[in-house]
Full PDB file with SEQRES, HELIX, SHEET, SSBOND, CRYST1, ORIGX, SCALE, CONECT and MASTER records, all heavy atoms in Angstrom:
SEQRES   1 A   32  GLY GLU TRP LYS ALA ARG VAL ARG PHE VAL PRO LEU ASP          
SEQRES   2 A   32  ARG SER LEU PRO GLY VAL ILE ALA SER GLU ALA LEU LEU          
SEQRES   3 A   32  HIS ALA ARG ARG ARG ASP                                      
SHEET    1 AA1 2 TRP A   3  ALA A   5  0                                        
SHEET    2 AA1 2 LEU A  26  ALA A  28 -1                                        
SHEET    1 AA2 2 ARG A   8  PHE A   9  0                                        
SHEET    2 AA2 2 ILE A  20  ALA A  21 -1                                        
CRYST1    1.000    1.000    1.000  90.00  90.00  90.00 P 1           1          
ORIGX1      1.000000  0.000000  0.000000        0.00000                         
ORIGX2      0.000000  1.000000  0.000000        0.00000                         
ORIGX3      0.000000  0.000000  1.000000        0.00000                         
SCALE1      1.000000  0.000000  0.000000        0.00000                         
SCALE2      0.000000  1.000000  0.000000        0.00000                         
SCALE3      0.000000  0.000000  1.000000        0.00000                         
ATOM      1  N   GLY A   1     -13.059  12.554  -0.888  1.00  0.00           N  
ATOM      2  CA  GLY A   1     -13.626  12.499  -2.231  1.00  0.00           C  
ATOM      3  C   GLY A   1     -12.614  12.120  -3.288  1.00  0.00           C  
ATOM      4  O   GLY A   1     -12.796  12.419  -4.463  1.00  0.00           O  
ATOM      5  N   GLU A   2     -11.526  11.452  -2.883  1.00  0.00           N  
ATOM      6  CA  GLU A   2     -10.462  11.087  -3.808  1.00  0.00           C  
ATOM      7  C   GLU A   2     -10.175   9.591  -3.751  1.00  0.00           C  
ATOM      8  O   GLU A   2     -10.449   8.936  -2.754  1.00  0.00           O  
ATOM      9  CB  GLU A   2      -9.164  11.813  -3.459  1.00  0.00           C  
ATOM     10  CG  GLU A   2      -9.209  13.295  -3.644  1.00  0.00           C  
ATOM     11  CD  GLU A   2      -7.872  13.934  -3.327  1.00  0.00           C  
ATOM     12  OE1 GLU A   2      -7.204  13.519  -2.368  1.00  0.00           O  
ATOM     13  OE2 GLU A   2      -7.501  14.842  -4.071  1.00  0.00           O  
ATOM     14  N   TRP A   3      -9.575   9.106  -4.834  1.00  0.00           N  
ATOM     15  CA  TRP A   3      -9.040   7.757  -4.854  1.00  0.00           C  
ATOM     16  C   TRP A   3      -7.624   7.826  -4.319  1.00  0.00           C  
ATOM     17  O   TRP A   3      -6.885   8.770  -4.621  1.00  0.00           O  
ATOM     18  CB  TRP A   3      -9.043   7.191  -6.277  1.00  0.00           C  
ATOM     19  CG  TRP A   3     -10.399   6.741  -6.682  1.00  0.00           C  
ATOM     20  CD1 TRP A   3     -11.373   7.501  -7.262  1.00  0.00           C  
ATOM     21  CD2 TRP A   3     -10.952   5.443  -6.493  1.00  0.00           C  
ATOM     22  NE1 TRP A   3     -12.499   6.748  -7.449  1.00  0.00           N  
ATOM     23  CE2 TRP A   3     -12.267   5.480  -6.996  1.00  0.00           C  
ATOM     24  CE3 TRP A   3     -10.471   4.246  -5.945  1.00  0.00           C  
ATOM     25  CZ2 TRP A   3     -13.100   4.366  -6.968  1.00  0.00           C  
ATOM     26  CZ3 TRP A   3     -11.295   3.144  -5.933  1.00  0.00           C  
ATOM     27  CH2 TRP A   3     -12.585   3.212  -6.426  1.00  0.00           C  
ATOM     28  N   LYS A   4      -7.246   6.847  -3.506  1.00  0.00           N  
ATOM     29  CA  LYS A   4      -5.902   6.811  -2.928  1.00  0.00           C  
ATOM     30  C   LYS A   4      -5.284   5.448  -3.188  1.00  0.00           C  
ATOM     31  O   LYS A   4      -5.983   4.472  -3.456  1.00  0.00           O  
ATOM     32  CB  LYS A   4      -5.965   7.076  -1.427  1.00  0.00           C  
ATOM     33  CG  LYS A   4      -6.430   8.481  -1.111  1.00  0.00           C  
ATOM     34  CD  LYS A   4      -6.356   8.772   0.353  1.00  0.00           C  
ATOM     35  CE  LYS A   4      -6.780  10.217   0.603  1.00  0.00           C  
ATOM     36  NZ  LYS A   4      -6.625  10.594   2.000  1.00  0.00           N  
ATOM     37  N   ALA A   5      -3.959   5.394  -3.100  1.00  0.00           N  
ATOM     38  CA  ALA A   5      -3.245   4.137  -3.297  1.00  0.00           C  
ATOM     39  C   ALA A   5      -2.080   4.053  -2.327  1.00  0.00           C  
ATOM     40  O   ALA A   5      -1.485   5.066  -1.960  1.00  0.00           O  
ATOM     41  CB  ALA A   5      -2.744   4.030  -4.725  1.00  0.00           C  
ATOM     42  N   ARG A   6      -1.772   2.819  -1.924  1.00  0.00           N  
ATOM     43  CA  ARG A   6      -0.621   2.549  -1.079  1.00  0.00           C  
ATOM     44  C   ARG A   6       0.003   1.244  -1.546  1.00  0.00           C  
ATOM     45  O   ARG A   6      -0.560   0.544  -2.390  1.00  0.00           O  
ATOM     46  CB  ARG A   6      -1.012   2.446   0.389  1.00  0.00           C  
ATOM     47  CG  ARG A   6      -1.869   1.246   0.711  1.00  0.00           C  
ATOM     48  CD  ARG A   6      -2.181   1.195   2.180  1.00  0.00           C  
ATOM     49  NE  ARG A   6      -3.042   0.051   2.489  1.00  0.00           N  
ATOM     50  CZ  ARG A   6      -3.432  -0.245   3.697  1.00  0.00           C  
ATOM     51  NH1 ARG A   6      -3.064   0.507   4.712  1.00  0.00           N  
ATOM     52  NH2 ARG A   6      -4.199  -1.300   3.915  1.00  0.00           N  
ATOM     53  N   VAL A   7       1.160   0.923  -1.013  1.00  0.00           N  
ATOM     54  CA  VAL A   7       1.809  -0.341  -1.342  1.00  0.00           C  
ATOM     55  C   VAL A   7       1.905  -1.202  -0.092  1.00  0.00           C  
ATOM     56  O   VAL A   7       2.074  -0.696   1.018  1.00  0.00           O  
ATOM     57  CB  VAL A   7       3.201  -0.149  -1.984  1.00  0.00           C  
ATOM     58  CG1 VAL A   7       3.077   0.441  -3.371  1.00  0.00           C  
ATOM     59  CG2 VAL A   7       4.102   0.706  -1.138  1.00  0.00           C  
ATOM     60  N   ARG A   8       1.750  -2.504  -0.308  1.00  0.00           N  
ATOM     61  CA  ARG A   8       1.855  -3.492   0.768  1.00  0.00           C  
ATOM     62  C   ARG A   8       3.038  -4.391   0.437  1.00  0.00           C  
ATOM     63  O   ARG A   8       3.170  -4.855  -0.686  1.00  0.00           O  
ATOM     64  CB  ARG A   8       0.577  -4.298   0.882  1.00  0.00           C  
ATOM     65  CG  ARG A   8      -0.607  -3.423   1.292  1.00  0.00           C  
ATOM     66  CD  ARG A   8      -1.928  -4.121   1.206  1.00  0.00           C  
ATOM     67  NE  ARG A   8      -2.011  -5.324   2.009  1.00  0.00           N  
ATOM     68  CZ  ARG A   8      -2.458  -5.364   3.271  1.00  0.00           C  
ATOM     69  NH1 ARG A   8      -2.873  -4.258   3.837  1.00  0.00           N  
ATOM     70  NH2 ARG A   8      -2.509  -6.491   3.932  1.00  0.00           N  
ATOM     71  N   PHE A   9       3.885  -4.617   1.425  1.00  0.00           N  
ATOM     72  CA  PHE A   9       5.073  -5.451   1.267  1.00  0.00           C  
ATOM     73  C   PHE A   9       4.809  -6.794   1.939  1.00  0.00           C  
ATOM     74  O   PHE A   9       4.628  -6.855   3.157  1.00  0.00           O  
ATOM     75  CB  PHE A   9       6.281  -4.766   1.898  1.00  0.00           C  
ATOM     76  CG  PHE A   9       6.674  -3.489   1.208  1.00  0.00           C  
ATOM     77  CD1 PHE A   9       6.110  -2.280   1.587  1.00  0.00           C  
ATOM     78  CD2 PHE A   9       7.595  -3.489   0.173  1.00  0.00           C  
ATOM     79  CE1 PHE A   9       6.462  -1.095   0.960  1.00  0.00           C  
ATOM     80  CE2 PHE A   9       7.945  -2.312  -0.467  1.00  0.00           C  
ATOM     81  CZ  PHE A   9       7.382  -1.118  -0.079  1.00  0.00           C  
ATOM     82  N   VAL A  10       4.777  -7.857   1.145  1.00  0.00           N  
ATOM     83  CA  VAL A  10       4.533  -9.209   1.644  1.00  0.00           C  
ATOM     84  C   VAL A  10       5.898  -9.889   1.762  1.00  0.00           C  
ATOM     85  O   VAL A  10       6.544 -10.161   0.746  1.00  0.00           O  
ATOM     86  CB  VAL A  10       3.625 -10.004   0.683  1.00  0.00           C  
ATOM     87  CG1 VAL A  10       3.353 -11.395   1.236  1.00  0.00           C  
ATOM     88  CG2 VAL A  10       2.338  -9.248   0.409  1.00  0.00           C  
ATOM     89  N   PRO A  11       6.365 -10.162   2.988  1.00  0.00           N  
ATOM     90  CA  PRO A  11       7.709 -10.747   3.149  1.00  0.00           C  
ATOM     91  C   PRO A  11       7.776 -12.176   2.603  1.00  0.00           C  
ATOM     92  O   PRO A  11       6.917 -12.996   2.911  1.00  0.00           O  
ATOM     93  CB  PRO A  11       7.948 -10.706   4.652  1.00  0.00           C  
ATOM     94  CG  PRO A  11       6.609 -10.578   5.268  1.00  0.00           C  
ATOM     95  CD  PRO A  11       5.708  -9.938   4.271  1.00  0.00           C  
ATOM     96  N   LEU A  12       8.794 -12.432   1.780  1.00  0.00           N  
ATOM     97  CA  LEU A  12       8.997 -13.769   1.228  1.00  0.00           C  
ATOM     98  C   LEU A  12       9.970 -14.587   2.077  1.00  0.00           C  
ATOM     99  O   LEU A  12       9.984 -15.795   1.999  1.00  0.00           O  
ATOM    100  CB  LEU A  12       9.539 -13.676  -0.202  1.00  0.00           C  
ATOM    101  CG  LEU A  12       8.620 -13.014  -1.218  1.00  0.00           C  
ATOM    102  CD1 LEU A  12       9.312 -12.925  -2.561  1.00  0.00           C  
ATOM    103  CD2 LEU A  12       7.316 -13.777  -1.326  1.00  0.00           C  
ATOM    104  N   ASP A  13      10.759 -13.897   2.876  1.00  0.00           N  
ATOM    105  CA  ASP A  13      11.804 -14.573   3.638  1.00  0.00           C  
ATOM    106  C   ASP A  13      11.445 -14.773   5.113  1.00  0.00           C  
ATOM    107  O   ASP A  13      12.284 -15.160   5.901  1.00  0.00           O  
ATOM    108  CB  ASP A  13      13.105 -13.800   3.519  1.00  0.00           C  
ATOM    109  CG  ASP A  13      12.968 -12.345   3.936  1.00  0.00           C  
ATOM    110  OD1 ASP A  13      11.893 -11.953   4.421  1.00  0.00           O  
ATOM    111  OD2 ASP A  13      13.937 -11.593   3.773  1.00  0.00           O  
ATOM    112  N   ARG A  14      10.220 -14.480   5.474  1.00  0.00           N  
ATOM    113  CA  ARG A  14       9.731 -14.652   6.849  1.00  0.00           C  
ATOM    114  C   ARG A  14      10.529 -13.843   7.885  1.00  0.00           C  
ATOM    115  O   ARG A  14      10.612 -14.222   9.041  1.00  0.00           O  
ATOM    116  CB  ARG A  14       9.716 -16.122   7.238  1.00  0.00           C  
ATOM    117  CG  ARG A  14       8.800 -16.924   6.367  1.00  0.00           C  
ATOM    118  CD  ARG A  14       8.775 -18.356   6.788  1.00  0.00           C  
ATOM    119  NE  ARG A  14       8.015 -19.122   5.817  1.00  0.00           N  
ATOM    120  CZ  ARG A  14       7.166 -20.054   6.135  1.00  0.00           C  
ATOM    121  NH1 ARG A  14       6.969 -20.367   7.379  1.00  0.00           N  
ATOM    122  NH2 ARG A  14       6.520 -20.699   5.206  1.00  0.00           N  
ATOM    123  N   SER A  15      11.114 -12.757   7.447  1.00  0.00           N  
ATOM    124  CA  SER A  15      11.879 -11.913   8.368  1.00  0.00           C  
ATOM    125  C   SER A  15      10.977 -10.989   9.174  1.00  0.00           C  
ATOM    126  O   SER A  15      11.419 -10.385  10.138  1.00  0.00           O  
ATOM    127  CB  SER A  15      12.906 -11.090   7.596  1.00  0.00           C  
ATOM    128  OG  SER A  15      12.252 -10.246   6.661  1.00  0.00           O  
ATOM    129  N   LEU A  16       9.724 -10.873   8.782  1.00  0.00           N  
ATOM    130  CA  LEU A  16       8.745 -10.072   9.514  1.00  0.00           C  
ATOM    131  C   LEU A  16       7.538 -10.952   9.823  1.00  0.00           C  
ATOM    132  O   LEU A  16       7.261 -11.899   9.087  1.00  0.00           O  
ATOM    133  CB  LEU A  16       8.301  -8.868   8.680  1.00  0.00           C  
ATOM    134  CG  LEU A  16       9.361  -7.817   8.421  1.00  0.00           C  
ATOM    135  CD1 LEU A  16       8.851  -6.799   7.421  1.00  0.00           C  
ATOM    136  CD2 LEU A  16       9.765  -7.130   9.710  1.00  0.00           C  
ATOM    137  N   PRO A  17       6.805 -10.634  10.881  1.00  0.00           N  
ATOM    138  CA  PRO A  17       5.669 -11.479  11.251  1.00  0.00           C  
ATOM    139  C   PRO A  17       4.484 -11.415  10.286  1.00  0.00           C  
ATOM    140  O   PRO A  17       3.615 -12.273  10.328  1.00  0.00           O  
ATOM    141  CB  PRO A  17       5.276 -10.967  12.630  1.00  0.00           C  
ATOM    142  CG  PRO A  17       5.844  -9.600  12.721  1.00  0.00           C  
ATOM    143  CD  PRO A  17       7.054  -9.583  11.854  1.00  0.00           C  
ATOM    144  N   GLY A  18       4.439 -10.429   9.424  1.00  0.00           N  
ATOM    145  CA  GLY A  18       3.301 -10.321   8.503  1.00  0.00           C  
ATOM    146  C   GLY A  18       3.511  -9.230   7.480  1.00  0.00           C  
ATOM    147  O   GLY A  18       4.597  -8.689   7.328  1.00  0.00           O  
ATOM    148  N   VAL A  19       2.458  -8.907   6.776  1.00  0.00           N  
ATOM    149  CA  VAL A  19       2.471  -7.884   5.726  1.00  0.00           C  
ATOM    150  C   VAL A  19       2.581  -6.503   6.362  1.00  0.00           C  
ATOM    151  O   VAL A  19       1.972  -6.237   7.401  1.00  0.00           O  
ATOM    152  CB  VAL A  19       1.178  -7.985   4.890  1.00  0.00           C  
ATOM    153  CG1 VAL A  19       1.119  -6.893   3.844  1.00  0.00           C  
ATOM    154  CG2 VAL A  19       1.071  -9.351   4.250  1.00  0.00           C  
ATOM    155  N   ILE A  20       3.354  -5.630   5.732  1.00  0.00           N  
ATOM    156  CA  ILE A  20       3.450  -4.240   6.186  1.00  0.00           C  
ATOM    157  C   ILE A  20       2.969  -3.344   5.040  1.00  0.00           C  
ATOM    158  O   ILE A  20       3.075  -3.709   3.877  1.00  0.00           O  
ATOM    159  CB  ILE A  20       4.876  -3.854   6.626  1.00  0.00           C  
ATOM    160  CG1 ILE A  20       5.900  -4.117   5.515  1.00  0.00           C  
ATOM    161  CG2 ILE A  20       5.257  -4.602   7.897  1.00  0.00           C  
ATOM    162  CD1 ILE A  20       7.304  -3.646   5.824  1.00  0.00           C  
ATOM    163  N   ALA A  21       2.411  -2.186   5.387  1.00  0.00           N  
ATOM    164  CA  ALA A  21       1.837  -1.299   4.372  1.00  0.00           C  
ATOM    165  C   ALA A  21       2.295   0.136   4.577  1.00  0.00           C  
ATOM    166  O   ALA A  21       2.513   0.578   5.708  1.00  0.00           O  
ATOM    167  CB  ALA A  21       0.316  -1.368   4.427  1.00  0.00           C  
ATOM    168  N   SER A  22       2.418   0.850   3.481  1.00  0.00           N  
ATOM    169  CA  SER A  22       2.773   2.266   3.529  1.00  0.00           C  
ATOM    170  C   SER A  22       1.524   3.104   3.774  1.00  0.00           C  
ATOM    171  O   SER A  22       0.405   2.609   3.714  1.00  0.00           O  
ATOM    172  CB  SER A  22       3.411   2.677   2.200  1.00  0.00           C  
ATOM    173  OG  SER A  22       2.431   2.713   1.176  1.00  0.00           O  
ATOM    174  N   GLU A  23       1.740   4.369   4.008  1.00  0.00           N  
ATOM    175  CA  GLU A  23       0.638   5.332   4.017  1.00  0.00           C  
ATOM    176  C   GLU A  23       0.227   5.555   2.562  1.00  0.00           C  
ATOM    177  O   GLU A  23       0.864   5.068   1.645  1.00  0.00           O  
ATOM    178  CB  GLU A  23       1.116   6.655   4.633  1.00  0.00           C  
ATOM    179  CG  GLU A  23       1.504   6.553   6.090  1.00  0.00           C  
ATOM    180  CD  GLU A  23       0.316   6.280   6.991  1.00  0.00           C  
ATOM    181  OE1 GLU A  23      -0.777   6.798   6.698  1.00  0.00           O  
ATOM    182  OE2 GLU A  23       0.487   5.540   7.963  1.00  0.00           O  
ATOM    183  N   ALA A  24      -0.813   6.311   2.345  1.00  0.00           N  
ATOM    184  CA  ALA A  24      -1.246   6.614   0.976  1.00  0.00           C  
ATOM    185  C   ALA A  24      -0.122   7.337   0.234  1.00  0.00           C  
ATOM    186  O   ALA A  24       0.404   8.338   0.705  1.00  0.00           O  
ATOM    187  CB  ALA A  24      -2.499   7.474   0.999  1.00  0.00           C  
ATOM    188  N   LEU A  25       0.261   6.784  -0.915  1.00  0.00           N  
ATOM    189  CA  LEU A  25       1.338   7.364  -1.716  1.00  0.00           C  
ATOM    190  C   LEU A  25       0.805   8.246  -2.832  1.00  0.00           C  
ATOM    191  O   LEU A  25       1.440   9.214  -3.224  1.00  0.00           O  
ATOM    192  CB  LEU A  25       2.170   6.255  -2.373  1.00  0.00           C  
ATOM    193  CG  LEU A  25       2.926   5.310  -1.487  1.00  0.00           C  
ATOM    194  CD1 LEU A  25       3.622   4.263  -2.331  1.00  0.00           C  
ATOM    195  CD2 LEU A  25       3.934   6.061  -0.662  1.00  0.00           C  
ATOM    196  N   LEU A  26      -0.340   7.873  -3.361  1.00  0.00           N  
ATOM    197  CA  LEU A  26      -0.915   8.558  -4.508  1.00  0.00           C  
ATOM    198  C   LEU A  26      -2.360   8.935  -4.216  1.00  0.00           C  
ATOM    199  O   LEU A  26      -3.037   8.256  -3.445  1.00  0.00           O  
ATOM    200  CB  LEU A  26      -0.891   7.635  -5.727  1.00  0.00           C  
ATOM    201  CG  LEU A  26       0.453   7.024  -6.110  1.00  0.00           C  
ATOM    202  CD1 LEU A  26       0.249   5.876  -7.083  1.00  0.00           C  
ATOM    203  CD2 LEU A  26       1.346   8.081  -6.705  1.00  0.00           C  
ATOM    204  N   HIS A  27      -2.823   9.986  -4.850  1.00  0.00           N  
ATOM    205  CA  HIS A  27      -4.230  10.348  -4.751  1.00  0.00           C  
ATOM    206  C   HIS A  27      -4.631  11.110  -6.003  1.00  0.00           C  
ATOM    207  O   HIS A  27      -3.827  11.805  -6.612  1.00  0.00           O  
ATOM    208  CB  HIS A  27      -4.525  11.163  -3.489  1.00  0.00           C  
ATOM    209  CG  HIS A  27      -3.715  12.418  -3.390  1.00  0.00           C  
ATOM    210  ND1 HIS A  27      -4.132  13.604  -3.934  1.00  0.00           N  
ATOM    211  CD2 HIS A  27      -2.511  12.662  -2.828  1.00  0.00           C  
ATOM    212  CE1 HIS A  27      -3.222  14.531  -3.696  1.00  0.00           C  
ATOM    213  NE2 HIS A  27      -2.227  13.992  -3.038  1.00  0.00           N  
ATOM    214  N   ALA A  28      -5.875  10.901  -6.410  1.00  0.00           N  
ATOM    215  CA  ALA A  28      -6.412  11.567  -7.604  1.00  0.00           C  
ATOM    216  C   ALA A  28      -7.929  11.511  -7.550  1.00  0.00           C  
ATOM    217  O   ALA A  28      -8.510  10.746  -6.788  1.00  0.00           O  
ATOM    218  CB  ALA A  28      -5.901  10.894  -8.870  1.00  0.00           C  
ATOM    219  N   ARG A  29      -8.561  12.306  -8.354  1.00  0.00           N  
ATOM    220  CA  ARG A  29     -10.030  12.327  -8.410  1.00  0.00           C  
ATOM    221  C   ARG A  29     -10.590  11.089  -9.117  1.00  0.00           C  
ATOM    222  O   ARG A  29     -11.669  10.642  -8.818  1.00  0.00           O  
ATOM    223  CB  ARG A  29     -10.520  13.580  -9.142  1.00  0.00           C  
ATOM    224  CG  ARG A  29     -10.298  14.838  -8.361  1.00  0.00           C  
ATOM    225  CD  ARG A  29     -11.367  14.995  -7.335  1.00  0.00           C  
ATOM    226  NE  ARG A  29     -11.107  16.172  -6.522  1.00  0.00           N  
ATOM    227  CZ  ARG A  29     -11.586  16.328  -5.341  1.00  0.00           C  
ATOM    228  NH1 ARG A  29     -12.352  15.416  -4.794  1.00  0.00           N  
ATOM    229  NH2 ARG A  29     -11.327  17.414  -4.653  1.00  0.00           N  
ATOM    230  N   ARG A  30      -9.826  10.544 -10.070  1.00  0.00           N  
ATOM    231  CA  ARG A  30     -10.314   9.410 -10.855  1.00  0.00           C  
ATOM    232  C   ARG A  30      -9.528   8.148 -10.528  1.00  0.00           C  
ATOM    233  O   ARG A  30      -8.313   8.181 -10.364  1.00  0.00           O  
ATOM    234  CB  ARG A  30     -10.207   9.723 -12.337  1.00  0.00           C  
ATOM    235  CG  ARG A  30     -11.109  10.876 -12.735  1.00  0.00           C  
ATOM    236  CD  ARG A  30     -11.021  11.201 -14.178  1.00  0.00           C  
ATOM    237  NE  ARG A  30     -11.088   9.983 -14.991  1.00  0.00           N  
ATOM    238  CZ  ARG A  30     -10.985   9.986 -16.292  1.00  0.00           C  
ATOM    239  NH1 ARG A  30     -10.840  11.118 -16.944  1.00  0.00           N  
ATOM    240  NH2 ARG A  30     -11.044   8.869 -16.965  1.00  0.00           N  
ATOM    241  N   ARG A  31     -10.247   7.045 -10.468  1.00  0.00           N  
ATOM    242  CA  ARG A  31      -9.648   5.750 -10.139  1.00  0.00           C  
ATOM    243  C   ARG A  31      -8.588   5.332 -11.158  1.00  0.00           C  
ATOM    244  O   ARG A  31      -7.510   4.867 -10.785  1.00  0.00           O  
ATOM    245  CB  ARG A  31     -10.748   4.701 -10.077  1.00  0.00           C  
ATOM    246  CG  ARG A  31     -10.261   3.319  -9.825  1.00  0.00           C  
ATOM    247  CD  ARG A  31     -11.439   2.383  -9.791  1.00  0.00           C  
ATOM    248  NE  ARG A  31     -11.013   1.006  -9.719  1.00  0.00           N  
ATOM    249  CZ  ARG A  31     -11.825  -0.001  -9.774  1.00  0.00           C  
ATOM    250  NH1 ARG A  31     -13.121   0.192  -9.896  1.00  0.00           N  
ATOM    251  NH2 ARG A  31     -11.370  -1.210  -9.704  1.00  0.00           N  
ATOM    252  N   ASP A  32      -8.869   5.504 -12.446  1.00  0.00           N  
ATOM    253  CA  ASP A  32      -7.919   5.068 -13.461  1.00  0.00           C  
ATOM    254  C   ASP A  32      -6.605   5.847 -13.396  1.00  0.00           C  
ATOM    255  O   ASP A  32      -5.541   5.299 -13.694  1.00  0.00           O  
ATOM    256  CB  ASP A  32      -8.527   5.127 -14.864  1.00  0.00           C  
ATOM    257  CG  ASP A  32      -8.957   6.518 -15.285  1.00  0.00           C  
ATOM    258  OD1 ASP A  32      -9.232   7.356 -14.410  1.00  0.00           O  
ATOM    259  OD2 ASP A  32      -9.044   6.762 -16.504  1.00  0.00           O  
TER     260      ASP A  32                                                      
MASTER        0    0    0    0    4    0    0    6  259    1    0    3          
END                                                                             
């Protein structure tokens, strides 16, 4: 019943095969 947020790291140098993402870093009852 909460809004959650995570960060996605898009490699610019092609050192990784694709995008990597964190687990949920933030959570709150309201989206804003």
